[in-house]
C-alpha atoms as a PDB file:
ATOM      1  CA  MET A   1      13.337  27.562 -28.156  1.00  0.00           C
ATOM      2  CA  LYS A   2      10.839  29.543 -26.254  1.00  0.00           C
ATOM      3  CA  ARG A   3      11.581  29.862 -22.899  1.00  0.00           C
ATOM      4  CA  VAL A   4       9.432  31.093 -19.675  1.00  0.00           C
ATOM      5  CA  ARG A   5       9.496  31.174 -15.926  1.00  0.00           C
ATOM      6  CA  LEU A   6       5.964  28.954 -14.399  1.00  0.00           C
ATOM      7  CA  GLY A   7       4.801  30.532 -10.993  1.00  0.00           C
ATOM      8  CA  PRO A   8       4.943  31.821  -8.497  1.00  0.00           C
ATOM      9  CA  ASP A   9       1.610  30.449  -7.938  1.00  0.00           C
ATOM     10  CA  GLU A  10       0.990  27.846 -10.874  1.00  0.00           C
ATOM     11  CA  VAL A  11      -0.782  24.705  -9.797  1.00  0.00           C
ATOM     12  CA  PHE A  12      -0.744  21.385 -11.967  1.00  0.00           C
ATOM     13  CA  TYR A  13      -1.879  18.356 -11.529  1.00  0.00           C
ATOM     14  CA  ARG A  14      -1.389  14.578 -12.014  1.00  0.00           C
ATOM     15  CA  TYR A  15      -3.282  11.446 -11.294  1.00  0.00           C
ATOM     16  CA  LEU A  16      -1.204   9.041  -9.171  1.00  0.00           C
ATOM     17  CA  ASN A  17      -1.348   4.799  -9.286  1.00  0.00           C
ATOM     18  CA  PRO A  18      -3.024   4.305  -5.693  1.00  0.00           C
ATOM     19  CA  LYS A  19       0.227   1.936  -5.330  1.00  0.00           C
ATOM     20  CA  TRP A  20       2.899   4.471  -6.099  1.00  0.00           C
ATOM     21  CA  SER A  21       0.717   7.293  -4.099  1.00  0.00           C
ATOM     22  CA  HIS A  22       3.557   7.508  -1.310  1.00  0.00           C
ATOM     23  CA  ALA A  23       6.406   9.132  -3.756  1.00  0.00           C
ATOM     24  CA  PRO A  24       4.510  11.704  -5.591  1.00  0.00           C
ATOM     25  CA  LEU A  25       7.490  13.520  -6.529  1.00  0.00           C
ATOM     26  CA  SER A  26       9.118  10.753  -8.313  1.00  0.00           C
ATOM     27  CA  GLY A  27      10.013  10.678 -11.645  1.00  0.00           C
ATOM     28  CA  ALA A  28      11.091   7.043 -11.555  1.00  0.00           C
ATOM     29  CA  GLY A  29       8.025   5.175 -13.155  1.00  0.00           C
ATOM     30  CA  SER A  30       9.195   7.138 -16.558  1.00  0.00           C
ATOM     31  CA  ALA A  31      12.666   6.618 -15.762  1.00  0.00           C
ATOM     32  CA  SER A  32      11.804   2.923 -16.395  1.00  0.00           C
ATOM     33  CA  GLY A  33      10.629   2.923 -19.696  1.00  0.00           C
ATOM     34  CA  GLY A  34      11.108   6.354 -20.891  1.00  0.00           C
ATOM     35  CA  GLY A  35       8.291   9.300 -21.526  1.00  0.00           C
ATOM     36  CA  ARG A  36       7.890  11.609 -24.700  1.00  0.00           C
ATOM     37  CA  PHE A  37      10.360  13.591 -23.372  1.00  0.00           C
ATOM     38  CA  ASN A  38      12.653  11.858 -21.342  1.00  0.00           C
ATOM     39  CA  ARG A  39      14.323   8.341 -22.625  1.00  0.00           C
ATOM     40  CA  PRO A  40      14.946   5.393 -20.214  1.00  0.00           C
ATOM     41  CA  GLY A  41      16.934   6.078 -17.179  1.00  0.00           C
ATOM     42  CA  VAL A  42      16.264   9.743 -16.780  1.00  0.00           C
ATOM     43  CA  GLU A  43      13.664  10.865 -14.206  1.00  0.00           C
ATOM     44  CA  ALA A  44      10.926  13.176 -15.083  1.00  0.00           C
ATOM     45  CA  LEU A  45       7.633  14.275 -13.830  1.00  0.00           C
ATOM     46  CA  TYR A  46       4.493  14.538 -15.943  1.00  0.00           C
ATOM     47  CA  LEU A  47       1.960  16.686 -14.898  1.00  0.00           C
ATOM     48  CA  SER A  48      -1.110  18.603 -16.206  1.00  0.00           C
ATOM     49  CA  ARG A  49      -2.401  22.489 -16.044  1.00  0.00           C
ATOM     50  CA  MET A  50      -5.922  21.235 -15.380  1.00  0.00           C
ATOM     51  CA  ALA A  51      -6.999  17.991 -13.892  1.00  0.00           C
ATOM     52  CA  GLU A  52      -9.273  16.701 -16.973  1.00  0.00           C
ATOM     53  CA  THR A  53      -6.033  16.479 -19.136  1.00  0.00           C
ATOM     54  CA  ALA A  54      -4.379  14.832 -16.090  1.00  0.00           C
ATOM     55  CA  LEU A  55      -7.075  12.133 -16.198  1.00  0.00           C
ATOM     56  CA  ALA A  56      -6.889  11.884 -20.208  1.00  0.00           C
ATOM     57  CA  GLU A  57      -3.165  11.471 -19.779  1.00  0.00           C
ATOM     58  CA  TYR A  58      -3.642   8.908 -16.967  1.00  0.00           C
ATOM     59  CA  ALA A  59      -6.265   7.144 -18.763  1.00  0.00           C
ATOM     60  CA  GLN A  60      -4.018   6.804 -21.848  1.00  0.00           C
ATOM     61  CA  GLY A  61      -6.797   6.331 -23.994  1.00  0.00           C
ATOM     62  CA  SER A  62      -8.825   3.562 -22.081  1.00  0.00           C
ATOM     63  CA  PRO A  63     -12.548   4.004 -21.798  1.00  0.00           C
ATOM     64  CA  ILE A  64     -12.334   2.331 -18.265  1.00  0.00           C
ATOM     65  CA  VAL A  65     -10.067   4.465 -16.206  1.00  0.00           C
ATOM     66  CA  PRO A  66      -7.979   2.596 -13.715  1.00  0.00           C
ATOM     67  CA  PRO A  67      -8.037   3.437  -9.560  1.00  0.00           C
ATOM     68  CA  ALA A  68      -6.443   6.649  -9.165  1.00  0.00           C
ATOM     69  CA  THR A  69      -5.624   9.237  -6.641  1.00  0.00           C
ATOM     70  CA  LEU A  70      -5.579  12.717  -7.928  1.00  0.00           C
ATOM     71  CA  ALA A  71      -2.765  15.122  -6.772  1.00  0.00           C
ATOM     72  CA  ALA A  72      -2.161  19.112  -7.001  1.00  0.00           C
ATOM     73  CA  TYR A  73       1.308  20.548  -7.495  1.00  0.00           C
ATOM     74  CA  PRO A  74       2.275  23.932  -6.663  1.00  0.00           C
ATOM     75  CA  LEU A  75       5.231  25.115  -8.500  1.00  0.00           C
ATOM     76  CA  ASP A  76       7.808  27.816  -9.093  1.00  0.00           C
ATOM     77  CA  LEU A  77      10.247  27.071 -12.192  1.00  0.00           C
ATOM     78  CA  THR A  78      12.692  29.728 -13.453  1.00  0.00           C
ATOM     79  CA  ASP A  79      13.435  28.037 -17.000  1.00  0.00           C
ATOM     80  CA  VAL A  80      11.119  26.129 -18.948  1.00  0.00           C
ATOM     81  CA  VAL A  81      10.624  25.089 -22.389  1.00  0.00           C
ATOM     82  CA  ASP A  82       7.276  26.465 -23.693  1.00  0.00           C
ATOM     83  CA  LEU A  83       5.844  24.887 -26.366  1.00  0.00           C
ATOM     84  CA  SER A  84       2.598  25.175 -25.070  1.00  0.00           C
ATOM     85  CA  ALA A  85       1.213  26.322 -28.680  1.00  0.00           C
ATOM     86  CA  GLY A  86       2.532  23.631 -30.524  1.00  0.00           C
ATOM     87  CA  PHE A  87       5.166  23.661 -33.060  1.00  0.00           C
ATOM     88  CA  ASP A  88       5.270  26.991 -35.130  1.00  0.00           C
ATOM     89  CA  ALA A  89       8.065  27.364 -37.900  1.00  0.00           C
ATOM     90  CA  ALA A  90       8.530  31.246 -37.284  1.00  0.00           C
ATOM     91  CA  ILE A  91       9.318  30.400 -33.758  1.00  0.00           C
ATOM     92  CA  TRP A  92      10.955  26.912 -33.218  1.00  0.00           C
ATOM     93  CA  SER A  93      14.303  25.343 -35.204  1.00  0.00           C
ATOM     94  CA  PRO A  94      12.919  22.385 -37.846  1.00  0.00           C
ATOM     95  CA  GLU A  95      13.338  19.767 -35.230  1.00  0.00           C
ATOM     96  CA  TRP A  96      10.415  20.705 -33.448  1.00  0.00           C
ATOM     97  CA  ALA A  97       8.711  19.774 -35.587  1.00  0.00           C
ATOM     98  CA  GLU A  98       8.378  15.960 -34.500  1.00  0.00           C
ATOM     99  CA  TRP A  99       7.720  16.926 -30.695  1.00  0.00           C
ATOM    100  CA  ASN A 100       4.600  14.659 -31.335  1.00  0.00           C
ATOM    101  CA  CYS A 101       6.043  11.983 -32.812  1.00  0.00           C
ATOM    102  CA  ASP A 102       4.997   8.337 -32.097  1.00  0.00           C
ATOM    103  CA  TRP A 103       7.893   7.898 -29.452  1.00  0.00           C
ATOM    104  CA  ARG A 104       6.527   4.403 -28.325  1.00  0.00           C
ATOM    105  CA  ALA A 105       6.283   2.851 -31.428  1.00  0.00           C
ATOM    106  CA  VAL A 106       9.562   4.791 -32.789  1.00  0.00           C
ATOM    107  CA  ALA A 107      11.611   2.931 -29.624  1.00  0.00           C
ATOM    108  CA  ARG A 108      10.132   0.124 -29.350  1.00  0.00           C
ATOM    109  CA  LEU A 109       9.242  -1.151 -32.749  1.00  0.00           C
ATOM    110  CA  ASP A 110      11.528   0.435 -34.896  1.00  0.00           C
ATOM    111  CA  ARG A 111      14.396   0.535 -32.153  1.00  0.00           C
ATOM    112  CA  LYS A 112      15.795   4.021 -32.893  1.00  0.00           C
ATOM    113  CA  ILE A 113      15.739   6.878 -30.520  1.00  0.00           C
ATOM    114  CA  PRO A 114      12.108   9.112 -31.185  1.00  0.00           C
ATOM    115  CA  ALA A 115      13.117  12.734 -32.358  1.00  0.00           C
ATOM    116  CA  SER A 116      11.264  14.103 -29.039  1.00  0.00           C
ATOM    117  CA  TRP A 117      13.527  11.979 -26.621  1.00  0.00           C
ATOM    118  CA  LEU A 118      16.719  14.314 -28.445  1.00  0.00           C
ATOM    119  CA  LEU A 119      14.813  17.371 -27.927  1.00  0.00           C
ATOM    120  CA  GLY A 120      13.904  16.595 -23.849  1.00  0.00           C
ATOM    121  CA  ASP A 121      17.596  15.897 -24.020  1.00  0.00           C
ATOM    122  CA  ALA A 122      18.631  19.580 -25.386  1.00  0.00           C
ATOM    123  CA  ALA A 123      16.172  21.424 -22.807  1.00  0.00           C
ATOM    124  CA  ILE A 124      18.085  18.907 -20.014  1.00  0.00           C
ATOM    125  CA  ARG A 125      21.244  20.136 -21.433  1.00  0.00           C
ATOM    126  CA  ASP A 126      20.226  23.646 -21.800  1.00  0.00           C
ATOM    127  CA  GLY A 127      19.541  23.282 -17.888  1.00  0.00           C
ATOM    128  CA  CYS A 128      16.151  23.659 -18.466  1.00  0.00           C
ATOM    129  CA  GLN A 129      13.760  22.832 -15.340  1.00  0.00           C
ATOM    130  CA  GLY A 130      10.938  21.450 -17.457  1.00  0.00           C
ATOM    131  CA  LEU A 131       8.850  21.823 -20.910  1.00  0.00           C
ATOM    132  CA  LEU A 132       5.356  22.386 -21.287  1.00  0.00           C
ATOM    133  CA  PHE A 133       3.471  21.062 -24.411  1.00  0.00           C
ATOM    134  CA  PRO A 134       0.163  20.523 -25.593  1.00  0.00           C
ATOM    135  CA  SER A 135      -1.649  17.302 -24.918  1.00  0.00           C
ATOM    136  CA  LEU A 136      -1.995  14.723 -27.419  1.00  0.00           C
ATOM    137  CA  ARG A 137      -5.024  13.231 -25.720  1.00  0.00           C
ATOM    138  CA  HIS A 138      -7.234  15.944 -24.255  1.00  0.00           C
ATOM    139  CA  ALA A 139      -7.986  18.807 -26.577  1.00  0.00           C
ATOM    140  CA  GLY A 140      -7.067  22.078 -25.675  1.00  0.00           C
ATOM    141  CA  GLY A 141      -4.688  20.714 -22.560  1.00  0.00           C
ATOM    142  CA  THR A 142      -1.312  21.616 -21.584  1.00  0.00           C
ATOM    143  CA  ASN A 143       1.348  18.761 -19.891  1.00  0.00           C
ATOM    144  CA  LEU A 144       4.442  19.801 -18.236  1.00  0.00           C
ATOM    145  CA  VAL A 145       7.389  17.608 -17.580  1.00  0.00           C
ATOM    146  CA  VAL A 146       9.718  18.686 -15.222  1.00  0.00           C
ATOM    147  CA  PHE A 147      13.533  17.220 -15.433  1.00  0.00           C
ATOM    148  CA  SER A 148      13.803  16.525 -11.879  1.00  0.00           C
ATOM    149  CA  ALA A 149      17.972  16.464 -11.860  1.00  0.00           C
ATOM    150  CA  ASN A 150      17.978  20.449 -13.063  1.00  0.00           C
ATOM    151  CA  LEU A 151      15.659  21.636 -10.387  1.00  0.00           C
ATOM    152  CA  THR A 152      17.979  24.222  -8.553  1.00  0.00           C
ATOM    153  CA  ALA A 153      17.453  26.176  -5.298  1.00  0.00           C
ATOM    154  CA  ASP A 154      15.389  28.845  -6.647  1.00  0.00           C
ATOM    155  CA  ASP A 155      12.608  25.959  -8.250  1.00  0.00           C
ATOM    156  CA  ARG A 156       9.956  24.965  -6.033  1.00  0.00           C
ATOM    157  CA  LEU A 157       7.914  21.732  -6.985  1.00  0.00           C
ATOM    158  CA  GLU A 158       5.399  20.184  -4.247  1.00  0.00           C
ATOM    159  CA  VAL A 159       2.408  18.133  -4.007  1.00  0.00           C
ATOM    160  CA  HIS A 160      -0.014  19.745  -1.821  1.00  0.00           C
ATOM    161  CA  ASP A 161      -1.140  17.160   1.043  1.00  0.00           C
ATOM    162  CA  PRO A 162      -1.902  19.565   3.793  1.00  0.00           C
ATOM    163  CA  ASP A 163      -3.981  17.313   6.245  1.00  0.00           C
ATOM    164  CA  GLY A 164      -0.698  14.349   5.228  1.00  0.00           C
ATOM    165  CA  ARG A 165      -3.568  11.932   3.394  1.00  0.00           C
ATOM    166  CA  LEU A 166      -1.223  10.844   1.158  1.00  0.00           C
ATOM    167  CA  PRO A 167       0.355   7.129   1.886  1.00  0.00           C
ATOM    168  CA  ARG A 168       4.178   7.661   3.100  1.00  0.00           C
ATOM    169  CA  ASP A 169       5.222   4.190   2.153  1.00  0.00           C
ATOM    170  CA  GLN A 170       3.675   0.847   0.239  1.00  0.00           C
ATOM    171  CA  ARG A 171       2.906  -1.284   3.527  1.00  0.00           C
ATOM    172  CA  SER A 172      -0.841  -1.344   2.694  1.00  0.00           C
ATOM    173  CA  TRP A 173       0.444  -2.786  -0.786  1.00  0.00           C
ATOM    174  CA  SER A 174       2.266  -6.024   1.105  1.00  0.00           C
ATOM    175  CA  GLU A 175       1.441  -9.368   0.590  1.00  0.00           C
ATOM    176  CA  THR A 176       0.120 -10.580   4.202  1.00  0.00           C
END
């Protein structure tokens, strides 16, 4: 695995569902159903290096984008797997060739464990805080999955909200 440090002045982006924008650092959403590199039950926060990539990832191919709140995340992560250039057999072991498998179809239709989940498991076991990978939704874009449980005291991940504009709870979504 190719490993790098991200930071100290890196900024990544994420479009938040307004209903959950009170918890911008939560990886609970991806833990509920899994994500490309995390199986259900494993919290992970998916971010993008560019706002345009974050929007494409949020839309997930839909021609009409649902409401969203853009958030910026300054970060400094000490140990990240860097697959951002994609699979190269000269650098990566063969199992990494399947990083871009159709994980949803494999998990939900075939009822098997996607290769990308096994890669995420390996990165987590190795103590990595995250994994950079090419966006499959935005050509030339780069995504980052952060494994929340692996963050250390030497790592920094925060949402940039200097004026306190993000909600603090879900009260605005309560039924009256």
